[in-house]
Amino acid sequence: QVQLVESGGGLVQAGGSLRLSCTSSGRAFKNYNMGWFRQAPGKEREFVGAVTGSGVRTFYGDSVKGRFTISRDVDRNTVYLQMDSLKPEDTAVYYCAIDRVFNRGWTIITIPSGYDYWGQGTQVTVSS
């Protein structure tokens, strides 16, 4: 059974930073791309960014590019989302997800249907 457990959300002032963690179990972590999404009330789930299984390539949504950084630690089966220069519009529930395709490799999927297991979500609130 695949499980993704997130942590690290909270309340932060605009301009501040947070780091989210997502620990995976039940699937060969290094062979799957990992993604981060977020969903604000009344809005669709939005692609934040993703990292390939090797950790070599990352790709980000336009709204977070240059402010957020994704990394992964294969030994800890954990992927991280470092969020800097946070803005009130970054307020949302953040989810990590694992790609449904084994060894997809260099291609990064930016839509939710490309991922088959999701974390429980962690709330990030940025105050102005």
Protein backbone atom coordinates (compact mmCIF):
# COMPACT_ATOMS: atom_id res chain seq x y z
CA GLN A 1 0.00 0.00 0.00
CA VAL A 2 1.41 3.34 -1.07
CA GLN A 3 1.32 6.09 1.54
CA LEU A 4 2.39 9.71 1.34
CA VAL A 5 2.64 11.68 4.56
CA GLU A 6 3.10 15.44 4.44
CA SER A 7 4.26 17.82 7.10
CA GLY A 8 5.49 21.38 7.48
CA GLY A 9 2.50 23.56 6.77
CA GLY A 10 1.46 26.48 8.93
CA LEU A 11 0.92 30.19 9.18
CA VAL A 12 3.54 32.61 7.92
CA GLN A 13 3.70 36.30 7.10
CA ALA A 14 4.08 37.50 3.55
CA GLY A 15 7.71 37.40 2.50
CA GLY A 16 8.45 34.49 4.80
CA SER A 17 9.42 30.90 4.10
CA LEU A 18 8.17 27.40 4.80
CA ARG A 19 9.42 23.96 3.91
CA LEU A 20 7.03 21.11 3.30
CA SER A 21 8.06 17.47 3.46
CA CYS A 22 6.44 14.42 1.94
CA THR A 23 7.59 10.94 2.93
CA SER A 24 6.64 8.01 0.74
CA SER A 25 6.28 4.32 1.49
CA GLY A 26 5.11 1.30 -0.45
CA ARG A 27 6.60 2.13 -3.84
CA ALA A 28 10.18 2.22 -5.14
CA PHE A 29 10.64 5.92 -4.47
CA LYS A 30 13.59 6.53 -6.77
CA ASN A 31 11.70 5.17 -9.79
CA TYR A 32 8.81 7.62 -9.67
CA ASN A 33 8.48 11.30 -10.38
CA MET A 34 6.91 13.27 -7.54
CA GLY A 35 4.66 16.28 -7.80
CA TRP A 36 3.30 19.05 -5.62
CA PHE A 37 -0.12 20.59 -6.14
CA ARG A 38 -2.20 23.06 -4.20
CA GLN A 39 -5.86 23.89 -3.90
CA ALA A 40 -7.39 27.07 -2.56
CA PRO A 41 -11.06 27.26 -1.55
CA GLY A 42 -13.32 27.39 -4.56
CA LYS A 43 -10.48 26.81 -7.00
CA GLU A 44 -9.22 23.87 -8.99
CA ARG A 45 -6.16 21.92 -7.95
CA GLU A 46 -3.13 23.73 -9.32
CA PHE A 47 0.23 22.30 -10.34
CA VAL A 48 3.04 23.71 -8.21
CA GLY A 49 6.00 21.70 -9.39
CA ALA A 50 7.54 18.26 -9.77
CA VAL A 51 10.82 16.43 -9.71
CA THR A 52 11.99 13.42 -11.66
CA GLY A 53 12.82 10.14 -9.95
CA SER A 54 16.52 10.84 -10.26
CA GLY A 55 16.09 14.30 -8.78
CA VAL A 56 17.99 15.80 -11.71
CA ARG A 57 15.12 17.67 -13.32
CA THR A 58 12.51 19.92 -11.76
CA PHE A 59 9.69 21.89 -13.34
CA TYR A 60 7.51 24.57 -11.80
CA GLY A 61 4.23 26.30 -12.38
CA ASP A 62 4.48 29.90 -13.52
CA SER A 63 3.01 31.29 -10.32
CA VAL A 64 5.80 29.87 -8.14
CA LYS A 65 8.77 29.86 -10.50
CA GLY A 66 11.80 31.49 -8.92
CA ARG A 67 10.32 31.32 -5.40
CA PHE A 68 9.76 27.60 -4.76
CA THR A 69 12.30 24.79 -4.95
CA ILE A 70 11.69 21.05 -5.00
CA SER A 71 14.28 18.50 -3.95
CA ARG A 72 14.27 14.87 -2.94
CA ASP A 73 16.27 12.66 -0.60
CA VAL A 74 16.25 9.12 -1.93
CA ASP A 75 17.69 7.65 1.26
CA ARG A 76 14.83 9.12 3.28
CA ASN A 77 12.12 8.49 0.63
CA THR A 78 11.24 12.15 1.06
CA VAL A 79 10.55 15.03 -1.28
CA TYR A 80 10.68 18.64 -0.14
CA LEU A 81 9.03 21.85 -1.22
CA GLN A 82 10.97 24.91 -0.10
CA MET A 83 8.75 27.97 -0.37
CA ASP A 84 10.35 31.41 -0.18
CA SER A 85 9.01 34.93 -0.69
CA LEU A 86 5.55 33.70 0.15
CA LYS A 87 2.54 35.75 -0.88
CA PRO A 88 -1.04 35.75 0.41
CA GLU A 89 -2.14 34.17 -2.87
CA ASP A 90 -0.01 31.13 -2.01
CA THR A 91 -2.53 30.29 0.70
CA ALA A 92 -3.92 26.82 -0.03
CA VAL A 93 -3.86 23.19 0.97
CA TYR A 94 -0.71 21.65 -0.46
CA TYR A 95 -0.58 18.05 -1.65
CA CYS A 96 2.24 15.82 -2.73
CA ALA A 97 1.58 13.06 -5.21
CA ILE A 98 3.40 10.20 -6.90
CA ASP A 99 3.40 9.64 -10.64
CA ARG A 100 1.31 6.68 -11.78
CA VAL A 101 3.95 5.55 -14.30
CA PHE A 102 7.05 3.61 -13.29
CA ASN A 103 10.27 5.19 -14.61
CA ARG A 104 8.49 7.88 -16.62
CA GLY A 105 11.85 9.62 -16.60
CA TRP A 106 12.43 13.08 -18.05
CA THR A 107 8.78 13.85 -18.79
CA ILE A 108 7.00 15.73 -16.02
CA ILE A 109 3.23 15.60 -15.83
CA THR A 110 1.48 18.78 -14.71
CA ILE A 111 -2.12 17.58 -14.38
CA PRO A 112 -3.57 15.73 -11.37
CA SER A 113 -4.70 12.71 -13.39
CA GLY A 114 -1.05 11.86 -13.99
CA TYR A 115 -0.67 10.95 -10.31
CA ASP A 116 -2.35 8.06 -8.57
CA TYR A 117 -1.55 8.45 -4.88
CA TRP A 118 -1.83 11.61 -2.85
CA GLY A 119 -0.90 12.84 0.58
CA GLN A 120 -3.51 14.03 3.03
CA GLY A 121 -2.69 17.68 2.37
CA THR A 122 -1.19 20.33 4.61
CA GLN A 123 -2.54 23.84 5.07
CA VAL A 124 -0.34 26.81 4.23
CA THR A 125 -1.66 30.23 5.19
CA VAL A 126 0.18 33.42 4.27
CA SER A 127 -0.95 36.56 6.03
CA SER A 128 -0.54 40.01 4.52
